Amino acid sequence: MIKALTFAALLSLTGCATVSMVSKEAIVETGASEESSELARSSKAFTKTAETQGWVGEQRGLMDYASALFSSGPENASSKGASYATRISASEAAPATVFETITADAAAASEGFAEIQSLASDRLASGTVVRQDLIHFETALVTAQKVHRAFAEATGLAAERAGQTAGLDTTDRALADFATRIDAASETADELADAYAESNKSTSAAS
């Protein structure tokens, strides 16, 4: 039963990471050509929060990888590349404590992502979708999907040792709520991409 619940949490998202409709060339041009919107700023802030909270690993540069390869010692064990499950000791700490931590983190992530979804819906309703909005919203969406998988993985590790499901049901509900928000955001991302493509088409036709 525990394994079934764990797999349900892990598979609750209906699809893979969204694929950006914006070209790499557009990403390069974006920073210089458009003023950052509230949606873009909030999306970037969500991704940064996910990294600083340890929900996902931070993006690592070449120097970080070199340091990881040639360094050793206790400091490496807690490096920024450590997984969420490792950070919260999902395989060692008391399962009830692990479930409590994941539930709180999932609620925080879901609440933060809901604000971005609201801003994206507002932007879509305005009829004006720019590249920065789409690029950064899609990035936040992919980050949210990674965060959900990290939470589900940690839940599974703790559930295997639980012996009973105290606290697991609450965690599963928190993960399901988060997944529902992510699924809704995935649909919004598709709509934003369509609106952006349509806007580009209209602009090209008018020129």
Protein backbone atom coordinates (compact mmCIF):
# COMPACT_ATOMS: atom_id res chain seq x y z
CA MET A 1 0.00 0.00 0.00
CA ILE A 2 2.82 2.38 0.91
CA LYS A 3 4.59 1.72 -2.37
CA ALA A 4 1.34 2.29 -4.26
CA LEU A 5 0.88 5.66 -2.59
CA THR A 6 4.46 6.58 -3.32
CA PHE A 7 4.17 5.71 -7.00
CA ALA A 8 0.90 7.64 -7.16
CA ALA A 9 2.64 10.73 -5.81
CA LEU A 10 5.53 10.33 -8.22
CA LEU A 11 3.28 9.88 -11.25
CA SER A 12 0.62 12.44 -10.37
CA LEU A 13 1.93 14.88 -12.98
CA THR A 14 0.29 14.15 -16.32
CA GLY A 15 3.21 14.97 -18.60
CA CYS A 16 6.91 15.55 -19.06
CA ALA A 17 8.62 18.88 -18.79
CA THR A 18 7.13 21.43 -21.14
CA VAL A 19 9.05 22.15 -24.34
CA SER A 20 9.71 25.80 -25.02
CA MET A 21 8.11 27.31 -28.11
CA VAL A 22 10.73 30.08 -28.14
CA SER A 23 14.00 29.66 -30.05
CA LYS A 24 17.45 29.94 -28.49
CA GLU A 25 17.99 33.04 -30.60
CA ALA A 26 14.98 34.64 -28.98
CA ILE A 27 16.35 33.83 -25.55
CA VAL A 28 19.62 35.59 -26.38
CA GLU A 29 17.79 38.65 -27.68
CA THR A 30 15.34 38.89 -24.83
CA GLY A 31 17.48 40.48 -22.14
CA ALA A 32 18.44 43.45 -24.27
CA SER A 33 15.13 44.10 -25.99
CA GLU A 34 12.42 43.85 -23.34
CA GLU A 35 11.85 45.29 -19.91
CA SER A 36 11.35 42.64 -17.24
CA SER A 37 7.69 42.17 -16.34
CA GLU A 38 6.24 41.19 -12.97
CA LEU A 39 5.57 37.71 -14.36
CA ALA A 40 9.18 37.32 -15.52
CA ARG A 41 10.57 38.61 -12.21
CA SER A 42 8.29 36.37 -10.13
CA SER A 43 9.11 33.34 -12.27
CA LYS A 44 12.85 33.92 -11.83
CA ALA A 45 12.34 34.43 -8.10
CA PHE A 46 10.52 31.07 -7.81
CA THR A 47 13.38 29.26 -9.52
CA LYS A 48 15.93 31.00 -7.29
CA THR A 49 13.90 30.13 -4.19
CA ALA A 50 13.76 26.48 -5.25
CA GLU A 51 17.54 26.48 -5.49
CA THR A 52 18.28 28.35 -2.26
CA GLN A 53 15.81 26.21 -0.29
CA GLY A 54 17.47 23.06 -1.62
CA TRP A 55 14.33 21.79 -3.37
CA VAL A 56 16.40 21.41 -6.54
CA GLY A 57 20.14 21.59 -7.16
CA GLU A 58 21.57 24.93 -8.27
CA GLN A 59 22.83 25.35 -11.80
CA ARG A 60 26.54 24.62 -11.68
CA GLY A 61 29.22 26.28 -13.78
CA LEU A 62 32.39 24.70 -15.11
CA MET A 63 34.40 25.83 -12.08
CA ASP A 64 31.86 24.18 -9.75
CA TYR A 65 32.21 20.88 -11.59
CA ALA A 66 36.00 21.12 -11.53
CA SER A 67 35.90 21.77 -7.80
CA ALA A 68 33.61 18.79 -7.24
CA LEU A 69 35.88 16.50 -9.27
CA PHE A 70 39.16 17.45 -7.64
CA SER A 71 38.07 18.26 -4.09
CA SER A 72 37.26 15.97 -1.21
CA GLY A 73 36.21 16.30 2.37
CA PRO A 74 33.12 16.85 4.51
CA GLU A 75 32.25 20.12 2.79
CA ASN A 76 31.52 18.23 -0.44
CA ALA A 77 28.84 16.10 1.21
CA SER A 78 26.68 19.17 1.75
CA SER A 79 27.49 20.85 -1.56
CA LYS A 80 24.86 22.66 -3.55
CA GLY A 81 24.61 19.64 -5.85
CA ALA A 82 23.13 17.42 -3.09
CA SER A 83 19.64 16.11 -3.77
CA TYR A 84 16.62 17.22 -1.75
CA ALA A 85 16.25 13.72 -0.29
CA THR A 86 19.87 13.82 0.89
CA ARG A 87 19.49 17.30 2.33
CA ILE A 88 16.54 16.32 4.54
CA SER A 89 17.98 12.86 5.34
CA ALA A 90 14.95 11.10 3.88
CA SER A 91 16.65 7.70 4.19
CA GLU A 92 17.84 8.18 7.79
CA ALA A 93 15.65 10.62 9.71
CA ALA A 94 12.44 9.61 11.46
CA PRO A 95 9.78 9.13 8.76
CA ALA A 96 7.28 11.35 10.58
CA THR A 97 9.84 14.17 10.62
CA VAL A 98 10.59 13.68 6.93
CA PHE A 99 6.89 13.73 6.05
CA GLU A 100 6.40 16.91 8.08
CA THR A 101 9.28 18.63 6.28
CA ILE A 102 8.09 17.59 2.82
CA THR A 103 4.51 18.66 3.56
CA ALA A 104 5.66 22.12 4.66
CA ASP A 105 7.98 22.51 1.67
CA ALA A 106 5.33 21.29 -0.79
CA ALA A 107 2.80 23.75 0.63
CA ALA A 108 5.30 26.62 0.34
CA ALA A 109 6.26 25.67 -3.22
CA SER A 110 2.62 25.29 -4.24
CA GLU A 111 1.68 28.67 -2.77
CA GLY A 112 4.59 30.42 -4.47
CA PHE A 113 3.83 28.79 -7.79
CA ALA A 114 0.14 29.70 -7.52
CA GLU A 115 1.12 33.38 -7.50
CA ILE A 116 3.06 32.91 -10.74
CA GLN A 117 0.15 31.06 -12.32
CA SER A 118 -2.14 33.96 -11.40
CA LEU A 119 0.24 36.47 -12.99
CA ALA A 120 0.47 34.30 -16.12
CA SER A 121 -3.34 34.16 -16.37
CA ASP A 122 -3.50 37.94 -16.02
CA ARG A 123 -0.87 38.38 -18.73
CA LEU A 124 -2.77 36.02 -21.01
CA ALA A 125 -6.02 37.91 -20.43
CA SER A 126 -4.29 41.18 -21.29
CA GLY A 127 -3.61 39.90 -24.78
CA THR A 128 0.03 40.96 -24.64
CA VAL A 129 2.57 38.15 -24.30
CA VAL A 130 6.28 38.94 -24.71
CA ARG A 131 9.23 36.59 -24.93
CA GLN A 132 10.48 37.16 -21.40
CA ASP A 133 7.08 36.22 -19.97
CA LEU A 134 6.99 32.96 -21.89
CA ILE A 135 10.63 32.00 -21.38
CA HIS A 136 10.74 32.61 -17.64
CA PHE A 137 7.29 31.13 -16.99
CA GLU A 138 8.28 27.94 -18.82
CA THR A 139 11.53 27.83 -16.83
CA ALA A 140 9.60 28.16 -13.56
CA LEU A 141 7.23 25.42 -14.73
CA VAL A 142 10.09 23.03 -15.45
CA THR A 143 11.59 23.90 -12.05
CA ALA A 144 8.27 23.17 -10.34
CA GLN A 145 8.10 19.77 -12.07
CA LYS A 146 11.62 18.97 -10.85
CA VAL A 147 10.71 20.11 -7.34
CA HIS A 148 7.64 17.87 -7.29
CA ARG A 149 9.69 14.87 -8.40
CA ALA A 150 12.28 15.60 -5.70
CA PHE A 151 9.55 15.78 -3.04
CA ALA A 152 7.98 12.54 -4.28
CA GLU A 153 11.34 10.76 -4.29
CA ALA A 154 12.04 11.82 -0.70
CA THR A 155 8.54 10.73 0.32
CA GLY A 156 9.12 7.30 -1.18
CA LEU A 157 12.40 6.83 0.67
CA ALA A 158 10.79 7.66 4.00
CA ALA A 159 7.67 5.60 3.27
CA GLU A 160 9.76 2.47 2.73
CA ARG A 161 10.89 2.70 6.36
CA ALA A 162 7.70 4.00 7.92
CA GLY A 163 6.05 0.73 8.93
CA GLN A 164 2.83 2.72 9.14
CA THR A 165 1.39 5.67 7.26
CA ALA A 166 1.22 8.34 10.00
CA GLY A 167 1.84 11.63 8.25
CA LEU A 168 2.08 10.10 4.78
CA ASP A 169 -1.53 10.84 3.84
CA THR A 170 -1.03 14.53 4.59
CA THR A 171 2.14 14.60 2.52
CA ASP A 172 0.43 12.85 -0.38
CA ARG A 173 -2.35 15.45 -0.32
CA ALA A 174 0.17 18.28 -0.35
CA LEU A 175 1.96 16.71 -3.30
CA ALA A 176 -1.34 16.18 -5.14
CA ASP A 177 -2.30 19.82 -4.61
CA PHE A 178 1.07 20.93 -5.95
CA ALA A 179 0.72 18.62 -8.96
CA THR A 180 -2.71 20.07 -9.74
CA ARG A 181 -1.23 23.57 -9.86
CA ILE A 182 1.59 22.37 -12.10
CA ASP A 183 -0.83 20.72 -14.52
CA ALA A 184 -2.87 23.92 -14.72
CA ALA A 185 0.30 25.94 -15.33
CA SER A 186 1.30 23.58 -18.13
CA GLU A 187 -1.94 24.40 -19.93
CA THR A 188 -1.34 28.10 -19.35
CA ALA A 189 2.17 27.77 -20.80
CA ASP A 190 0.71 26.27 -23.96
CA GLU A 191 -1.79 29.13 -24.19
CA LEU A 192 0.96 31.72 -23.66
CA ALA A 193 3.03 30.09 -26.41
CA ASP A 194 0.05 30.15 -28.78
CA ALA A 195 -0.69 33.79 -27.96
CA TYR A 196 2.95 34.75 -28.49
CA ALA A 197 3.10 32.89 -31.81
CA GLU A 198 -0.14 34.54 -32.95
CA SER A 199 1.16 37.95 -31.96
CA ASN A 200 4.36 37.35 -33.93
CA LYS A 201 2.36 36.22 -36.94
CA SER A 202 0.21 39.36 -36.84
CA THR A 203 3.27 41.59 -36.50
CA SER A 204 4.99 39.92 -39.45
CA ALA A 205 1.89 40.25 -41.61
CA ALA A 206 1.58 43.94 -40.81
CA SER A 207 5.20 44.76 -41.67
